[in-house]
């Protein structure tokens, strides 16, 4: 039985609306903190970077070289990766629903994009949008290889395609490793696949994915293992010596909200669901194993570090082949889509119109994403008055945003937390010079008293939303005679 036309049209309208929201955000919002920060990675190419592996930074450098600097160019890759993800969904539809490809595709696309965390991470120009495409693509090839293996065929190219995409996923973001752990768990748990452990090709594919991390390993070896030290030892929210169960509850509770309560509750149906033998059975096995492996790992990790919801993005994206089966009933489907549409609409309004709280919850940093055009205009005026001053900011994200707005790649970040900015900005070169410094109430200039001969506030720049309401305030300070901090 195929999906009726009227239902296809409704699902297409949902997807079209979401694409419209994404386009509005892409054009209207100046790069948010981390978006601008990762954009700057592309202007300072390196083998790897302090926070994350390099692939997305390399691609942003390529985009900048071809298309220049604009709000849309910063987010251009999010459109490419979303298009790629939807293309993989179409391929999945032939495998899982050959008699109703359009129904499977449009149901999956609508459900997937109304998962709030998925929509946001596929819209923001963080590294996650690229990771999401690579996870979906790698899982598609690994699933196809497993089907061939169980049917007696040896399509090794599918295995190596999955391995290359896995390697690229980890080269995008470290949490791509949970996709590999999911594969390993599935091979061990599925009797028909255990014979793979005796083949050299499986181990060669694994070694290939590992070898692709050479740029990351090289950079860390030449930089004192800086990235690994940060994530395992120096991250401010680490608490190895003091387990905190409330962090587990926070992680799971946030997952329920931003994955959607409907989808989360539907996951409990998995053990009892009837699956057709063959591709569908394998899809359920692979997707649920990746989801559980990643989620259980992050749940355990959250005891010792505050885990942000999107760090588990591998798990959420891995569910894509199951979404229509999990949320198939009309009422359940309508509830999930309605819930997702409300949350993602509020989220986009939050950054385009005015900061909004829903049921008392909201992004505390949303207000500071507004007003950057006005701030850039005032900074330009101050640069005319102080032409020899270099630019700086009290947070690494502010430094990147200032740099983006003024097309400058050499902006100092004076925040106490280490960042990639510390690797491309040279304090010694700026010794003795004055600085124009951007701050706000959360990141204040007073902490720089020992690095400048004097500090003077030049002006305050009020940030107003689309209705003219004051929502934030930036400050521009002049620091004279810069002296690098002693190491």
Foldseek 3Di string as FASTA:
>chain_A
DADDPVVLVVLVVLLVVLVVLLVCLLAFFFAFLQLLLLLLCLVVDALAWQAFFCPLSVVSVVLCVPPNFHSNSSLVVLVVLVVLLLVLLLVLLCVAPVPHSSRSSSLLSLLQCLLQVNVVQSRHSALVSLLLSLLSQLLSLVLVQLLCLLVPHHPLVSLLSSLVSLLVSCSSGVLSVLLVVLVVVLLVVDVSNVVVVVDVSNVVSNVVSVVSCVSVVVVCVVVVNNNVCCVPPNPPFFAPPAFDLVLLVVQVVVCCQSSDVLLVVLVVCLVVDDFDPGSRVSLSSSLVSSLVSLSVVVSVVSRGGRDDNCSSVSNSSSCSSCSCVSQVDPVSSVRSSVSSVVVNVLVSCCQRFHNDADPNDGDPCSQVSFDLLVVLVVVVVVCVVVVFAAEEEQASSVQSSNCSNVVHSAYYHNHPDDGSNVVPHDQVVCAQAKYKYKYFPVRDPPVCPVFAPDKAWPDKDFGAGPVRHTDGIMTIMMGGRGDDDDD
